[in-house]
PDB file of N, CA and C in Angstrom:
ATOM      1  N   UNK A   1    -147.740 -10.365  17.510  1.00  0.00           N
ATOM      2  CA  UNK A   1    -148.167  -8.990  17.497  1.00  0.00           C
ATOM      3  C   UNK A   1    -148.813  -8.584  18.799  1.00  0.00           C
ATOM      4  N   UNK A   2    -149.598  -7.554  18.734  1.00  0.00           N
ATOM      5  CA  UNK A   2    -150.232  -6.969  19.920  1.00  0.00           C
ATOM      6  C   UNK A   2    -151.196  -7.954  20.601  1.00  0.00           C
ATOM      7  N   UNK A   3    -151.975  -8.676  19.797  1.00  0.00           N
ATOM      8  CA  UNK A   3    -152.944  -9.626  20.355  1.00  0.00           C
ATOM      9  C   UNK A   3    -152.221 -10.713  21.139  1.00  0.00           C
ATOM     10  N   UNK A   4    -151.133 -11.227  20.580  1.00  0.00           N
ATOM     11  CA  UNK A   4    -150.377 -12.280  21.250  1.00  0.00           C
ATOM     12  C   UNK A   4    -149.806 -11.776  22.581  1.00  0.00           C
ATOM     13  N   UNK A   5    -149.309 -10.518  22.588  1.00  0.00           N
ATOM     14  CA  UNK A   5    -148.784  -9.928  23.819  1.00  0.00           C
ATOM     15  C   UNK A   5    -149.874  -9.819  24.882  1.00  0.00           C
ATOM     16  N   UNK A   6    -151.067  -9.383  24.474  1.00  0.00           N
ATOM     17  CA  UNK A   6    -152.190  -9.250  25.410  1.00  0.00           C
ATOM     18  C   UNK A   6    -152.591 -10.617  25.959  1.00  0.00           C
ATOM     19  N   UNK A   7    -152.624 -11.605  25.090  1.00  0.00           N
ATOM     20  CA  UNK A   7    -152.966 -12.965  25.511  1.00  0.00           C
ATOM     21  C   UNK A   7    -151.935 -13.474  26.512  1.00  0.00           C
ATOM     22  N   UNK A   8    -150.670 -13.222  26.221  1.00  0.00           N
ATOM     23  CA  UNK A   8    -149.597 -13.650  27.119  1.00  0.00           C
ATOM     24  C   UNK A   8    -149.756 -13.005  28.495  1.00  0.00           C
ATOM     25  N   UNK A   9    -150.085 -11.711  28.519  1.00  0.00           N
ATOM     26  CA  UNK A   9    -150.311 -11.007  29.791  1.00  0.00           C
ATOM     27  C   UNK A   9    -151.470 -11.642  30.550  1.00  0.00           C
ATOM     28  N   UNK A  10    -152.533 -11.975  29.838  1.00  0.00           N
ATOM     29  CA  UNK A  10    -153.716 -12.564  30.470  1.00  0.00           C
ATOM     30  C   UNK A  10    -153.401 -13.947  31.038  1.00  0.00           C
ATOM     31  N   UNK A  11    -152.559 -14.708  30.352  1.00  0.00           N
ATOM     32  CA  UNK A  11    -152.208 -16.050  30.808  1.00  0.00           C
ATOM     33  C   UNK A  11    -151.179 -16.039  31.932  1.00  0.00           C
ATOM     34  N   UNK A  12    -150.434 -14.966  32.060  1.00  0.00           N
ATOM     35  CA  UNK A  12    -149.306 -14.918  32.986  1.00  0.00           C
ATOM     36  C   UNK A  12    -149.652 -15.356  34.415  1.00  0.00           C
ATOM     37  N   UNK A  13    -150.725 -14.829  35.033  1.00  0.00           N
ATOM     38  CA  UNK A  13    -151.032 -15.273  36.399  1.00  0.00           C
ATOM     39  C   UNK A  13    -151.318 -16.773  36.474  1.00  0.00           C
ATOM     40  N   UNK A  14    -151.990 -17.311  35.468  1.00  0.00           N
ATOM     41  CA  UNK A  14    -152.283 -18.740  35.418  1.00  0.00           C
ATOM     42  C   UNK A  14    -150.989 -19.536  35.299  1.00  0.00           C
ATOM     43  N   UNK A  15    -150.117 -19.072  34.409  1.00  0.00           N
ATOM     44  CA  UNK A  15    -148.824 -19.735  34.233  1.00  0.00           C
ATOM     45  C   UNK A  15    -148.059 -19.764  35.552  1.00  0.00           C
ATOM     46  N   UNK A  16    -148.017 -18.624  36.232  1.00  0.00           N
ATOM     47  CA  UNK A  16    -147.240 -18.538  37.466  1.00  0.00           C
ATOM     48  C   UNK A  16    -147.797 -19.464  38.537  1.00  0.00           C
ATOM     49  N   UNK A  17    -149.104 -19.540  38.672  1.00  0.00           N
ATOM     50  CA  UNK A  17    -149.712 -20.449  39.651  1.00  0.00           C
ATOM     51  C   UNK A  17    -149.333 -21.895  39.320  1.00  0.00           C
ATOM     52  N   UNK A  18    -149.367 -22.232  38.038  1.00  0.00           N
ATOM     53  CA  UNK A  18    -148.995 -23.573  37.578  1.00  0.00           C
ATOM     54  C   UNK A  18    -147.524 -23.859  37.902  1.00  0.00           C
ATOM     55  N   UNK A  19    -146.659 -22.919  37.552  1.00  0.00           N
ATOM     56  CA  UNK A  19    -145.225 -23.103  37.794  1.00  0.00           C
ATOM     57  C   UNK A  19    -144.908 -23.190  39.281  1.00  0.00           C
ATOM     58  N   UNK A  20    -145.542 -22.335  40.099  1.00  0.00           N
ATOM     59  CA  UNK A  20    -145.284 -22.363  41.542  1.00  0.00           C
ATOM     60  C   UNK A  20    -145.696 -23.705  42.135  1.00  0.00           C
ATOM     61  N   UNK A  21    -146.769 -24.280  41.608  1.00  0.00           N
ATOM     62  CA  UNK A  21    -147.200 -25.605  42.066  1.00  0.00           C
ATOM     63  C   UNK A  21    -146.131 -26.651  41.799  1.00  0.00           C
ATOM     64  N   UNK A  22    -145.550 -26.610  40.619  1.00  0.00           N
ATOM     65  CA  UNK A  22    -144.476 -27.549  40.259  1.00  0.00           C
ATOM     66  C   UNK A  22    -143.254 -27.286  41.141  1.00  0.00           C
ATOM     67  N   UNK A  23    -142.920 -26.010  41.313  1.00  0.00           N
ATOM     68  CA  UNK A  23    -141.754 -25.622  42.116  1.00  0.00           C
ATOM     69  C   UNK A  23    -141.877 -26.160  43.550  1.00  0.00           C
ATOM     70  N   UNK A  24    -143.094 -26.112  44.100  1.00  0.00           N
ATOM     71  CA  UNK A  24    -143.323 -26.582  45.469  1.00  0.00           C
ATOM     72  C   UNK A  24    -143.218 -28.105  45.584  1.00  0.00           C
ATOM     73  N   UNK A  25    -143.459 -28.811  44.485  1.00  0.00           N
ATOM     74  CA  UNK A  25    -143.482 -30.280  44.510  1.00  0.00           C
ATOM     75  C   UNK A  25    -142.137 -30.936  44.201  1.00  0.00           C
ATOM     76  N   UNK A  26    -141.260 -30.227  43.521  1.00  0.00           N
ATOM     77  CA  UNK A  26    -140.032 -30.853  43.027  1.00  0.00           C
ATOM     78  C   UNK A  26    -138.775 -30.257  43.643  1.00  0.00           C
ATOM     79  N   UNK A  27    -137.706 -31.057  43.644  1.00  0.00           N
ATOM     80  CA  UNK A  27    -136.411 -30.508  44.075  1.00  0.00           C
ATOM     81  C   UNK A  27    -135.994 -29.406  43.098  1.00  0.00           C
ATOM     82  N   UNK A  28    -135.340 -28.391  43.580  1.00  0.00           N
ATOM     83  CA  UNK A  28    -134.949 -27.239  42.759  1.00  0.00           C
ATOM     84  C   UNK A  28    -133.586 -27.472  42.111  1.00  0.00           C
ATOM     85  N   UNK A  29    -133.542 -28.502  41.274  1.00  0.00           N
ATOM     86  CA  UNK A  29    -132.306 -28.837  40.561  1.00  0.00           C
ATOM     87  C   UNK A  29    -132.593 -29.059  39.082  1.00  0.00           C
ATOM     88  N   UNK A  30    -131.588 -28.795  38.254  1.00  0.00           N
ATOM     89  CA  UNK A  30    -131.720 -29.009  36.821  1.00  0.00           C
ATOM     90  C   UNK A  30    -131.870 -30.500  36.535  1.00  0.00           C
ATOM     91  N   UNK A  31    -132.882 -30.852  35.772  1.00  0.00           N
ATOM     92  CA  UNK A  31    -133.132 -32.245  35.398  1.00  0.00           C
ATOM     93  C   UNK A  31    -131.914 -32.842  34.690  1.00  0.00           C
ATOM     94  N   UNK A  32    -131.236 -32.046  33.893  1.00  0.00           N
ATOM     95  CA  UNK A  32    -130.125 -32.563  33.112  1.00  0.00           C
ATOM     96  C   UNK A  32    -128.808 -32.612  33.877  1.00  0.00           C
ATOM     97  N   UNK A  33    -128.347 -31.488  34.378  1.00  0.00           N
ATOM     98  CA  UNK A  33    -126.994 -31.432  34.951  1.00  0.00           C
ATOM     99  C   UNK A  33    -126.955 -31.451  36.475  1.00  0.00           C
ATOM    100  N   UNK A  34    -128.120 -31.334  37.122  1.00  0.00           N
ATOM    101  CA  UNK A  34    -128.169 -31.395  38.572  1.00  0.00           C
ATOM    102  C   UNK A  34    -127.835 -30.089  39.286  1.00  0.00           C
ATOM    103  N   UNK A  35    -127.600 -29.028  38.520  1.00  0.00           N
ATOM    104  CA  UNK A  35    -127.266 -27.727  39.119  1.00  0.00           C
ATOM    105  C   UNK A  35    -128.401 -27.256  40.029  1.00  0.00           C
ATOM    106  N   UNK A  36    -128.043 -26.718  41.192  1.00  0.00           N
ATOM    107  CA  UNK A  36    -129.033 -26.169  42.111  1.00  0.00           C
ATOM    108  C   UNK A  36    -129.626 -24.905  41.502  1.00  0.00           C
ATOM    109  N   UNK A  37    -130.950 -24.803  41.501  1.00  0.00           N
ATOM    110  CA  UNK A  37    -131.632 -23.662  40.903  1.00  0.00           C
ATOM    111  C   UNK A  37    -131.974 -22.577  41.927  1.00  0.00           C
ATOM    112  N   UNK A  38    -131.574 -22.772  43.163  1.00  0.00           N
ATOM    113  CA  UNK A  38    -131.813 -21.755  44.172  1.00  0.00           C
ATOM    114  C   UNK A  38    -133.216 -21.801  44.734  1.00  0.00           C
ATOM    115  N   UNK A  39    -133.667 -20.668  45.268  1.00  0.00           N
ATOM    116  CA  UNK A  39    -134.968 -20.640  45.940  1.00  0.00           C
ATOM    117  C   UNK A  39    -136.039 -19.866  45.183  1.00  0.00           C
ATOM    118  N   UNK A  40    -135.643 -19.085  44.166  1.00  0.00           N
ATOM    119  CA  UNK A  40    -136.617 -18.298  43.395  1.00  0.00           C
ATOM    120  C   UNK A  40    -137.036 -19.053  42.132  1.00  0.00           C
ATOM    121  N   UNK A  41    -138.337 -19.279  41.948  1.00  0.00           N
ATOM    122  CA  UNK A  41    -138.817 -20.009  40.761  1.00  0.00           C
ATOM    123  C   UNK A  41    -138.873 -19.117  39.519  1.00  0.00           C
ATOM    124  N   UNK A  42    -137.735 -18.879  38.901  1.00  0.00           N
ATOM    125  CA  UNK A  42    -137.696 -18.051  37.701  1.00  0.00           C
ATOM    126  C   UNK A  42    -138.354 -18.784  36.537  1.00  0.00           C
ATOM    127  N   UNK A  43    -139.124 -18.065  35.718  1.00  0.00           N
ATOM    128  CA  UNK A  43    -139.843 -18.722  34.619  1.00  0.00           C
ATOM    129  C   UNK A  43    -138.887 -19.435  33.664  1.00  0.00           C
ATOM    130  N   UNK A  44    -137.661 -18.951  33.542  1.00  0.00           N
ATOM    131  CA  UNK A  44    -136.724 -19.579  32.609  1.00  0.00           C
ATOM    132  C   UNK A  44    -136.338 -20.995  33.026  1.00  0.00           C
ATOM    133  N   UNK A  45    -136.612 -21.391  34.263  1.00  0.00           N
ATOM    134  CA  UNK A  45    -136.305 -22.751  34.729  1.00  0.00           C
ATOM    135  C   UNK A  45    -137.330 -23.776  34.255  1.00  0.00           C
ATOM    136  N   UNK A  46    -138.499 -23.317  33.828  1.00  0.00           N
ATOM    137  CA  UNK A  46    -139.592 -24.234  33.485  1.00  0.00           C
ATOM    138  C   UNK A  46    -139.593 -24.474  31.978  1.00  0.00           C
ATOM    139  N   UNK A  47    -139.280 -25.692  31.610  1.00  0.00           N
ATOM    140  CA  UNK A  47    -139.200 -26.047  30.195  1.00  0.00           C
ATOM    141  C   UNK A  47    -140.382 -26.914  29.795  1.00  0.00           C
ATOM    142  N   UNK A  48    -141.102 -26.486  28.764  1.00  0.00           N
ATOM    143  CA  UNK A  48    -142.135 -27.343  28.173  1.00  0.00           C
ATOM    144  C   UNK A  48    -141.398 -28.330  27.282  1.00  0.00           C
ATOM    145  N   UNK A  49    -141.407 -29.586  27.662  1.00  0.00           N
ATOM    146  CA  UNK A  49    -140.685 -30.630  26.923  1.00  0.00           C
ATOM    147  C   UNK A  49    -141.207 -30.666  25.489  1.00  0.00           C
ATOM    148  N   UNK A  50    -142.527 -30.733  25.350  1.00  0.00           N
ATOM    149  CA  UNK A  50    -143.168 -30.579  24.043  1.00  0.00           C
ATOM    150  C   UNK A  50    -143.689 -29.142  24.020  1.00  0.00           C
ATOM    151  N   UNK A  51    -143.108 -28.316  23.177  1.00  0.00           N
ATOM    152  CA  UNK A  51    -143.270 -26.865  23.217  1.00  0.00           C
ATOM    153  C   UNK A  51    -144.714 -26.389  23.156  1.00  0.00           C
ATOM    154  N   UNK A  52    -145.043 -25.489  24.073  1.00  0.00           N
ATOM    155  CA  UNK A  52    -146.398 -24.918  24.121  1.00  0.00           C
ATOM    156  C   UNK A  52    -146.673 -24.053  22.900  1.00  0.00           C
ATOM    157  N   UNK A  53    -145.630 -23.559  22.248  1.00  0.00           N
ATOM    158  CA  UNK A  53    -145.786 -22.711  21.070  1.00  0.00           C
ATOM    159  C   UNK A  53    -146.121 -23.486  19.799  1.00  0.00           C
ATOM    160  N   UNK A  54    -145.966 -24.795  19.844  1.00  0.00           N
ATOM    161  CA  UNK A  54    -146.294 -25.649  18.698  1.00  0.00           C
ATOM    162  C   UNK A  54    -147.778 -25.999  18.785  1.00  0.00           C
ATOM    163  N   UNK A  55    -148.569 -25.633  17.770  1.00  0.00           N
ATOM    164  CA  UNK A  55    -150.018 -25.916  17.817  1.00  0.00           C
ATOM    165  C   UNK A  55    -150.336 -27.388  18.101  1.00  0.00           C
ATOM    166  N   UNK A  56    -149.468 -28.271  17.699  1.00  0.00           N
ATOM    167  CA  UNK A  56    -149.658 -29.707  17.913  1.00  0.00           C
ATOM    168  C   UNK A  56    -149.648 -30.056  19.415  1.00  0.00           C
ATOM    169  N   UNK A  57    -148.895 -29.267  20.213  1.00  0.00           N
ATOM    170  CA  UNK A  57    -148.719 -29.589  21.636  1.00  0.00           C
ATOM    171  C   UNK A  57    -149.297 -28.551  22.588  1.00  0.00           C
ATOM    172  N   UNK A  58    -149.915 -27.484  22.051  1.00  0.00           N
ATOM    173  CA  UNK A  58    -150.335 -26.392  22.940  1.00  0.00           C
ATOM    174  C   UNK A  58    -151.314 -26.845  24.020  1.00  0.00           C
ATOM    175  N   UNK A  59    -152.072 -27.913  23.764  1.00  0.00           N
ATOM    176  CA  UNK A  59    -153.007 -28.425  24.779  1.00  0.00           C
ATOM    177  C   UNK A  59    -152.285 -29.063  25.970  1.00  0.00           C
ATOM    178  N   UNK A  60    -150.969 -29.276  25.844  1.00  0.00           N
ATOM    179  CA  UNK A  60    -150.174 -29.853  26.935  1.00  0.00           C
ATOM    180  C   UNK A  60    -149.515 -28.772  27.791  1.00  0.00           C
ATOM    181  N   UNK A  61    -149.869 -27.522  27.540  1.00  0.00           N
ATOM    182  CA  UNK A  61    -149.268 -26.370  28.233  1.00  0.00           C
ATOM    183  C   UNK A  61    -149.299 -26.531  29.757  1.00  0.00           C
ATOM    184  N   UNK A  62    -150.430 -27.012  30.289  1.00  0.00           N
ATOM    185  CA  UNK A  62    -150.579 -27.137  31.741  1.00  0.00           C
ATOM    186  C   UNK A  62    -150.555 -28.592  32.219  1.00  0.00           C
ATOM    187  N   UNK A  63    -149.807 -29.421  31.534  1.00  0.00           N
ATOM    188  CA  UNK A  63    -149.591 -30.804  31.977  1.00  0.00           C
ATOM    189  C   UNK A  63    -148.268 -30.837  32.730  1.00  0.00           C
ATOM    190  N   UNK A  64    -148.327 -31.142  34.019  1.00  0.00           N
ATOM    191  CA  UNK A  64    -147.106 -31.140  34.840  1.00  0.00           C
ATOM    192  C   UNK A  64    -146.037 -32.075  34.284  1.00  0.00           C
ATOM    193  N   UNK A  65    -146.471 -33.183  33.711  1.00  0.00           N
ATOM    194  CA  UNK A  65    -145.498 -34.152  33.194  1.00  0.00           C
ATOM    195  C   UNK A  65    -144.865 -33.693  31.887  1.00  0.00           C
ATOM    196  N   UNK A  66    -145.312 -32.568  31.361  1.00  0.00           N
ATOM    197  CA  UNK A  66    -144.707 -31.983  30.162  1.00  0.00           C
ATOM    198  C   UNK A  66    -143.736 -30.854  30.544  1.00  0.00           C
ATOM    199  N   UNK A  67    -143.439 -30.727  31.823  1.00  0.00           N
ATOM    200  CA  UNK A  67    -142.529 -29.686  32.296  1.00  0.00           C
ATOM    201  C   UNK A  67    -141.306 -30.333  32.928  1.00  0.00           C
ATOM    202  N   UNK A  68    -140.136 -29.839  32.552  1.00  0.00           N
ATOM    203  CA  UNK A  68    -138.920 -30.222  33.265  1.00  0.00           C
ATOM    204  C   UNK A  68    -138.289 -28.947  33.802  1.00  0.00           C
ATOM    205  N   UNK A  69    -137.594 -29.077  34.920  1.00  0.00           N
ATOM    206  CA  UNK A  69    -136.851 -27.954  35.479  1.00  0.00           C
ATOM    207  C   UNK A  69    -135.438 -28.010  34.924  1.00  0.00           C
ATOM    208  N   UNK A  70    -135.019 -26.914  34.288  1.00  0.00           N
ATOM    209  CA  UNK A  70    -133.692 -26.853  33.675  1.00  0.00           C
ATOM    210  C   UNK A  70    -132.996 -25.556  34.053  1.00  0.00           C
ATOM    211  N   UNK A  71    -131.671 -25.622  34.212  1.00  0.00           N
ATOM    212  CA  UNK A  71    -130.902 -24.390  34.368  1.00  0.00           C
ATOM    213  C   UNK A  71    -130.898 -23.684  33.006  1.00  0.00           C
ATOM    214  N   UNK A  72    -130.492 -22.433  32.995  1.00  0.00           N
ATOM    215  CA  UNK A  72    -130.536 -21.645  31.764  1.00  0.00           C
ATOM    216  C   UNK A  72    -129.682 -22.265  30.662  1.00  0.00           C
ATOM    217  N   UNK A  73    -128.475 -22.725  30.987  1.00  0.00           N
ATOM    218  CA  UNK A  73    -127.596 -23.306  29.963  1.00  0.00           C
ATOM    219  C   UNK A  73    -128.232 -24.535  29.315  1.00  0.00           C
ATOM    220  N   UNK A  74    -128.767 -25.416  30.131  1.00  0.00           N
ATOM    221  CA  UNK A  74    -129.398 -26.627  29.582  1.00  0.00           C
ATOM    222  C   UNK A  74    -130.672 -26.285  28.810  1.00  0.00           C
ATOM    223  N   UNK A  75    -131.431 -25.324  29.296  1.00  0.00           N
ATOM    224  CA  UNK A  75    -132.668 -24.909  28.617  1.00  0.00           C
ATOM    225  C   UNK A  75    -132.342 -24.390  27.216  1.00  0.00           C
ATOM    226  N   UNK A  76    -131.303 -23.565  27.113  1.00  0.00           N
ATOM    227  CA  UNK A  76    -130.931 -22.981  25.819  1.00  0.00           C
ATOM    228  C   UNK A  76    -130.400 -24.018  24.832  1.00  0.00           C
ATOM    229  N   UNK A  77    -129.834 -25.103  25.346  1.00  0.00           N
ATOM    230  CA  UNK A  77    -129.191 -26.100  24.480  1.00  0.00           C
ATOM    231  C   UNK A  77    -129.919 -27.436  24.473  1.00  0.00           C
ATOM    232  N   UNK A  78    -131.194 -27.430  24.845  1.00  0.00           N
ATOM    233  CA  UNK A  78    -131.896 -28.697  25.063  1.00  0.00           C
ATOM    234  C   UNK A  78    -131.970 -29.599  23.830  1.00  0.00           C
ATOM    235  N   UNK A  79    -131.975 -29.016  22.643  1.00  0.00           N
ATOM    236  CA  UNK A  79    -132.057 -29.850  21.439  1.00  0.00           C
ATOM    237  C   UNK A  79    -130.732 -30.547  21.134  1.00  0.00           C
ATOM    238  N   UNK A  80    -129.660 -30.167  21.838  1.00  0.00           N
ATOM    239  CA  UNK A  80    -128.336 -30.753  21.606  1.00  0.00           C
ATOM    240  C   UNK A  80    -127.919 -31.727  22.704  1.00  0.00           C
ATOM    241  N   UNK A  81    -128.712 -31.836  23.765  1.00  0.00           N
ATOM    242  CA  UNK A  81    -128.345 -32.648  24.931  1.00  0.00           C
ATOM    243  C   UNK A  81    -129.067 -33.994  24.861  1.00  0.00           C
ATOM    244  N   UNK A  82    -128.305 -35.092  24.707  1.00  0.00           N
ATOM    245  CA  UNK A  82    -128.921 -36.423  24.545  1.00  0.00           C
ATOM    246  C   UNK A  82    -129.973 -36.770  25.601  1.00  0.00           C
ATOM    247  N   UNK A  83    -129.704 -36.480  26.873  1.00  0.00           N
ATOM    248  CA  UNK A  83    -130.655 -36.804  27.941  1.00  0.00           C
ATOM    249  C   UNK A  83    -131.984 -36.072  27.729  1.00  0.00           C
ATOM    250  N   UNK A  84    -131.925 -34.835  27.227  1.00  0.00           N
ATOM    251  CA  UNK A  84    -133.147 -34.051  27.018  1.00  0.00           C
ATOM    252  C   UNK A  84    -133.856 -34.443  25.723  1.00  0.00           C
ATOM    253  N   UNK A  85    -133.093 -34.852  24.735  1.00  0.00           N
ATOM    254  CA  UNK A  85    -133.688 -35.369  23.490  1.00  0.00           C
ATOM    255  C   UNK A  85    -134.439 -36.659  23.810  1.00  0.00           C
ATOM    256  N   UNK A  86    -133.829 -37.506  24.643  1.00  0.00           N
ATOM    257  CA  UNK A  86    -134.463 -38.762  25.052  1.00  0.00           C
ATOM    258  C   UNK A  86    -135.743 -38.487  25.857  1.00  0.00           C
ATOM    259  N   UNK A  87    -135.690 -37.500  26.764  1.00  0.00           N
ATOM    260  CA  UNK A  87    -136.874 -37.124  27.547  1.00  0.00           C
ATOM    261  C   UNK A  87    -137.994 -36.668  26.614  1.00  0.00           C
ATOM    262  N   UNK A  88    -137.653 -35.900  25.605  1.00  0.00           N
ATOM    263  CA  UNK A  88    -138.644 -35.421  24.635  1.00  0.00           C
ATOM    264  C   UNK A  88    -139.298 -36.604  23.912  1.00  0.00           C
ATOM    265  N   UNK A  89    -138.486 -37.560  23.489  1.00  0.00           N
ATOM    266  CA  UNK A  89    -139.026 -38.730  22.789  1.00  0.00           C
ATOM    267  C   UNK A  89    -139.944 -39.544  23.702  1.00  0.00           C
ATOM    268  N   UNK A  90    -139.532 -39.730  24.963  1.00  0.00           N
ATOM    269  CA  UNK A  90    -140.366 -40.473  25.922  1.00  0.00           C
ATOM    270  C   UNK A  90    -141.683 -39.738  26.178  1.00  0.00           C
ATOM    271  N   UNK A  91    -141.614 -38.407  26.241  1.00  0.00           N
ATOM    272  CA  UNK A  91    -142.817 -37.605  26.482  1.00  0.00           C
ATOM    273  C   UNK A  91    -143.746 -37.676  25.275  1.00  0.00           C
ATOM    274  N   UNK A  92    -143.175 -37.665  24.076  1.00  0.00           N
ATOM    275  CA  UNK A  92    -143.992 -37.816  22.858  1.00  0.00           C
ATOM    276  C   UNK A  92    -144.735 -39.152  22.893  1.00  0.00           C
ATOM    277  N   UNK A  93    -144.029 -40.214  23.248  1.00  0.00           N
ATOM    278  CA  UNK A  93    -144.631 -41.547  23.345  1.00  0.00           C
ATOM    279  C   UNK A  93    -145.764 -41.554  24.357  1.00  0.00           C
ATOM    280  N   UNK A  94    -145.496 -40.979  25.538  1.00  0.00           N
ATOM    281  CA  UNK A  94    -146.474 -40.938  26.616  1.00  0.00           C
ATOM    282  C   UNK A  94    -147.785 -40.300  26.150  1.00  0.00           C
ATOM    283  N   UNK A  95    -147.675 -39.219  25.378  1.00  0.00           N
ATOM    284  CA  UNK A  95    -148.861 -38.501  24.913  1.00  0.00           C
ATOM    285  C   UNK A  95    -149.340 -38.962  23.538  1.00  0.00           C
ATOM    286  N   UNK A  96    -148.733 -40.020  23.008  1.00  0.00           N
ATOM    287  CA  UNK A  96    -149.204 -40.607  21.756  1.00  0.00           C
ATOM    288  C   UNK A  96    -148.761 -39.913  20.478  1.00  0.00           C
ATOM    289  N   UNK A  97    -147.562 -39.335  20.484  1.00  0.00           N
ATOM    290  CA  UNK A  97    -147.035 -38.671  19.273  1.00  0.00           C
ATOM    291  C   UNK A  97    -145.879 -39.454  18.706  1.00  0.00           C
TER     292      UNK A  97
END
């Protein structure tokens, strides 16, 4: 609702600073398929491996190791891609889930 939208707006600058930091540190390629992501750090490229929207994982929102860079196709289909399912399982283990 409205409160969630306002919260999202308030978090947006923080999110962008976090994402830009990751963008500056990593190659701009999809973790899964290797596609070049170009030079603009679009928010859709940043995937929370353990979803920030899940109350169980929301505290991992700003953990760099909980972010993978994905092209749009891989991001949309991440639950069907074995390499990304495996990454999710490894990340769960790392954080004790």
